[in-house]
Amino acid sequence: MQVYSLTLGPLQENAYLWVGEGSRGVIVDPGDEVGRILKEVERVGLQPEAILLTHAHFDHVGAVAGLVEALKLPVYLHPKDLPLYRGAPQAAARFGLTLPRPPEPTLGLQPGERLDFGLGLEVLWVPGHSPGHVAFYAGGKLVSGDVLFRGGIGRYDLPGADPQALFRSLQALAQLPPETEVYPGHGPPTTIAYELEHNPYLRP
């Protein structure tokens, strides 16, 4: 099982290609630069079966429309983030950016749900940065979206954010095995062990 990352767009968002058995897998949080993502899909030999979204802020969904058009993939999103998803073009415009309107999600993610795609992913419920934020966990690897960063956490002053929910989510992630590799929505990868030692928001 391999996770490949691309840092995309003006907000330097991390998208991930998660490759499992038989080159099956998924694209997670494709924020921008459709062409770069498609080239990386080809380079690593991924046979993508879905687009998974940790949440729906515009910097995480900017390439969804282009990828759906090119690859005809289903899109998975938690229903509580639908308003953010549908409003992503307007949110991008406030930053002077243009974002094609993404197609409606195909399926709604549910906490605790298990997804196959050759990966055996578990959907973890980690709201707070956004109302419907989830993370994806499998094989000792976690794609955390904008909940947990190396040495920091996601913002909780945005519309729809909830600081109390975010801190509960962080405490839940802190219970994962220390050796868990964490792939965040922005910045470099980390581990739960490193964050328990160095991240002030995860310390007891």
Protein backbone atom coordinates (compact mmCIF):
# COMPACT_ATOMS: atom_id res chain seq x y z
CA MET A 1 0.00 0.00 0.00
CA GLN A 2 1.47 3.33 -1.10
CA VAL A 3 0.47 6.97 -0.63
CA TYR A 4 1.73 9.50 -3.19
CA SER A 5 1.31 13.22 -2.56
CA LEU A 6 1.04 16.28 -4.79
CA THR A 7 1.08 19.83 -3.47
CA LEU A 8 -1.27 21.84 -5.62
CA GLY A 9 -2.59 25.32 -6.29
CA PRO A 10 -2.00 28.71 -4.72
CA LEU A 11 -2.96 27.47 -1.24
CA GLN A 12 -0.44 24.59 -1.47
CA GLU A 13 -2.98 21.90 -0.68
CA ASN A 14 -1.91 18.27 -0.53
CA ALA A 15 -3.78 15.79 -2.72
CA TYR A 16 -3.08 12.08 -2.36
CA LEU A 17 -3.10 9.03 -4.60
CA TRP A 18 -3.64 5.97 -2.43
CA VAL A 19 -2.60 2.78 -4.25
CA GLY A 20 -3.54 -0.65 -2.95
CA GLU A 21 -3.85 -4.22 -4.18
CA GLY A 22 -3.62 -4.69 -7.92
CA SER A 23 -3.02 -0.95 -8.45
CA ARG A 24 -6.58 -0.26 -7.29
CA GLY A 25 -7.08 2.85 -5.19
CA VAL A 26 -8.45 6.36 -4.85
CA ILE A 27 -7.69 10.03 -5.31
CA VAL A 28 -8.13 12.02 -2.10
CA ASP A 29 -8.75 15.79 -1.94
CA PRO A 30 -7.83 16.83 -5.50
CA GLY A 31 -7.55 20.55 -4.90
CA ASP A 32 -6.24 21.91 -8.21
CA GLU A 33 -4.14 21.23 -11.31
CA VAL A 34 -6.06 18.43 -13.01
CA GLY A 35 -3.27 17.84 -15.52
CA ARG A 36 -0.65 17.22 -12.85
CA ILE A 37 -2.92 14.77 -11.06
CA LEU A 38 -3.64 12.83 -14.24
CA LYS A 39 0.07 12.60 -15.06
CA GLU A 40 0.81 11.29 -11.56
CA VAL A 41 -2.01 8.76 -11.81
CA GLU A 42 -0.38 7.44 -14.97
CA ARG A 43 3.15 7.57 -13.54
CA VAL A 44 2.36 5.49 -10.45
CA GLY A 45 0.06 3.11 -12.34
CA LEU A 46 -3.00 3.86 -10.23
CA GLN A 47 -6.33 2.51 -11.41
CA PRO A 48 -8.53 4.98 -9.50
CA GLU A 49 -12.00 3.89 -8.47
CA ALA A 50 -13.23 6.98 -6.62
CA ILE A 51 -12.55 10.52 -5.47
CA LEU A 52 -12.70 10.78 -1.69
CA LEU A 53 -13.04 14.17 0.03
CA THR A 54 -12.08 14.75 3.65
CA HIS A 55 -14.07 17.99 3.50
CA ALA A 56 -15.31 20.50 0.97
CA HIS A 57 -13.31 23.73 1.32
CA PHE A 58 -12.56 25.03 -2.15
CA ASP A 59 -8.83 24.35 -1.99
CA HIS A 60 -9.59 20.62 -1.61
CA VAL A 61 -12.14 20.24 -4.41
CA GLY A 62 -10.89 22.41 -7.27
CA ALA A 63 -9.91 19.51 -9.54
CA VAL A 64 -12.98 17.37 -8.89
CA ALA A 65 -14.90 18.54 -11.97
CA GLY A 66 -11.98 17.93 -14.31
CA LEU A 67 -11.18 14.52 -12.89
CA VAL A 68 -14.79 13.37 -13.06
CA GLU A 69 -14.92 14.47 -16.69
CA ALA A 70 -11.64 12.70 -17.53
CA LEU A 71 -11.99 9.53 -15.45
CA LYS A 72 -15.76 9.18 -14.80
CA LEU A 73 -15.17 8.56 -11.08
CA PRO A 74 -17.75 8.65 -8.27
CA VAL A 75 -17.27 11.35 -5.62
CA TYR A 76 -17.63 10.60 -1.90
CA LEU A 77 -18.33 13.37 0.65
CA HIS A 78 -20.00 13.56 4.04
CA PRO A 79 -23.46 15.14 3.61
CA LYS A 80 -22.85 17.82 6.25
CA ASP A 81 -20.24 19.41 3.96
CA LEU A 82 -22.60 19.68 0.98
CA PRO A 83 -23.26 23.41 1.51
CA LEU A 84 -19.51 24.11 1.46
CA TYR A 85 -19.12 21.91 -1.62
CA ARG A 86 -21.89 23.61 -3.53
CA GLY A 87 -20.56 27.03 -2.54
CA ALA A 88 -16.93 26.27 -3.41
CA PRO A 89 -16.85 28.39 -6.62
CA GLN A 90 -18.13 31.43 -4.73
CA ALA A 91 -15.65 30.84 -1.89
CA ALA A 92 -12.78 30.62 -4.39
CA ALA A 93 -13.93 33.83 -6.07
CA ARG A 94 -13.51 35.70 -2.78
CA PHE A 95 -9.79 34.88 -3.10
CA GLY A 96 -9.72 36.00 -6.72
CA LEU A 97 -9.65 32.40 -7.96
CA THR A 98 -11.81 30.58 -10.50
CA LEU A 99 -13.06 27.10 -9.67
CA PRO A 100 -15.26 25.00 -11.97
CA ARG A 101 -18.47 23.92 -10.31
CA PRO A 102 -17.96 20.36 -9.07
CA PRO A 103 -20.58 17.72 -9.88
CA GLU A 104 -22.87 16.55 -7.11
CA PRO A 105 -21.30 13.84 -4.93
CA THR A 106 -22.26 10.31 -5.87
CA LEU A 107 -22.29 8.88 -2.35
CA GLY A 108 -22.36 10.26 1.19
CA LEU A 109 -19.66 9.08 3.57
CA GLN A 110 -20.69 7.77 6.97
CA PRO A 111 -18.57 7.61 10.16
CA GLY A 112 -17.20 4.14 10.75
CA GLU A 113 -17.92 3.08 7.20
CA ARG A 114 -15.42 0.75 5.55
CA LEU A 115 -14.54 1.21 1.90
CA ASP A 116 -12.68 -1.32 -0.19
CA PHE A 117 -10.99 0.03 -3.36
CA GLY A 118 -8.20 -2.50 -2.71
CA LEU A 119 -7.31 -0.55 0.43
CA GLY A 120 -9.72 -1.47 3.22
CA LEU A 121 -10.23 2.15 4.26
CA GLU A 122 -12.04 3.16 7.43
CA VAL A 123 -13.89 6.48 7.52
CA LEU A 124 -13.10 8.36 10.76
CA TRP A 125 -15.47 11.08 11.99
CA VAL A 126 -13.37 14.18 12.80
CA PRO A 127 -15.59 17.29 12.50
CA GLY A 128 -14.62 20.72 13.73
CA HIS A 129 -12.64 22.33 10.92
CA SER A 130 -15.79 21.83 8.87
CA PRO A 131 -19.17 20.33 9.80
CA GLY A 132 -18.70 17.09 7.87
CA HIS A 133 -14.96 16.54 8.05
CA VAL A 134 -13.75 12.95 7.91
CA ALA A 135 -10.35 11.25 7.75
CA PHE A 136 -9.33 8.04 6.04
CA TYR A 137 -7.36 5.31 7.81
CA ALA A 138 -5.87 2.05 6.57
CA GLY A 139 -2.69 0.06 6.97
CA GLY A 140 -1.19 2.37 9.57
CA LYS A 141 -1.70 5.42 7.34
CA LEU A 142 -4.05 8.35 7.96
CA VAL A 143 -5.11 11.06 5.54
CA SER A 144 -6.16 13.72 8.03
CA GLY A 145 -7.35 16.58 5.82
CA ASP A 146 -7.25 19.90 7.67
CA VAL A 147 -7.76 18.54 11.18
CA LEU A 148 -4.18 17.64 12.13
CA PHE A 149 -0.97 19.11 10.69
CA ARG A 150 2.67 18.60 11.63
CA GLY A 151 2.98 20.70 14.77
CA GLY A 152 -0.42 22.32 14.37
CA ILE A 153 -4.11 21.94 13.63
CA GLY A 154 -6.71 23.25 11.22
CA ARG A 155 -8.47 26.55 11.64
CA TYR A 156 -11.62 26.66 13.71
CA ASP A 157 -12.67 30.26 12.98
CA LEU A 158 -14.17 29.57 9.56
CA PRO A 159 -17.91 29.47 8.78
CA GLY A 160 -19.31 26.18 10.03
CA ALA A 161 -16.29 25.39 12.19
CA ASP A 162 -16.67 24.22 15.77
CA PRO A 163 -13.62 24.45 18.07
CA GLN A 164 -15.03 22.07 20.68
CA ALA A 165 -15.76 19.44 18.03
CA LEU A 166 -12.28 19.92 16.57
CA PHE A 167 -10.58 19.30 19.90
CA ARG A 168 -12.68 16.17 20.44
CA SER A 169 -11.60 15.00 17.01
CA LEU A 170 -7.96 15.62 17.86
CA GLN A 171 -8.29 13.56 21.02
CA ALA A 172 -9.77 10.73 18.97
CA LEU A 173 -6.87 10.82 16.53
CA ALA A 174 -4.44 10.81 19.45
CA GLN A 175 -5.71 7.32 20.31
CA LEU A 176 -4.46 5.86 17.03
CA PRO A 177 -1.27 3.74 17.19
CA PRO A 178 1.78 6.01 17.70
CA GLU A 179 3.45 4.68 14.56
CA THR A 180 0.52 5.85 12.38
CA GLU A 181 1.77 7.87 9.42
CA VAL A 182 -0.23 11.09 9.03
CA TYR A 183 -0.73 12.74 5.65
CA PRO A 184 -2.24 16.21 6.23
CA GLY A 185 -4.06 18.58 3.93
CA HIS A 186 -1.21 21.10 4.09
CA GLY A 187 2.45 20.76 4.99
CA PRO A 188 4.72 17.75 5.45
CA PRO A 189 3.73 14.29 6.67
CA THR A 190 4.13 13.33 10.30
CA THR A 191 3.26 10.57 12.76
CA ILE A 192 0.95 10.33 15.74
CA ALA A 193 4.01 9.71 17.94
CA TYR A 194 5.66 12.93 16.77
CA GLU A 195 2.49 14.94 17.34
CA LEU A 196 1.97 13.51 20.82
CA GLU A 197 5.44 14.71 21.72
CA HIS A 198 5.62 18.02 19.86
CA ASN A 199 2.13 19.27 19.03
CA PRO A 200 0.73 21.35 21.92
CA TYR A 201 -2.83 20.57 20.83
CA LEU A 202 -2.36 16.83 21.29
CA ARG A 203 -0.52 16.88 24.59
CA PRO A 204 -2.55 15.64 27.58
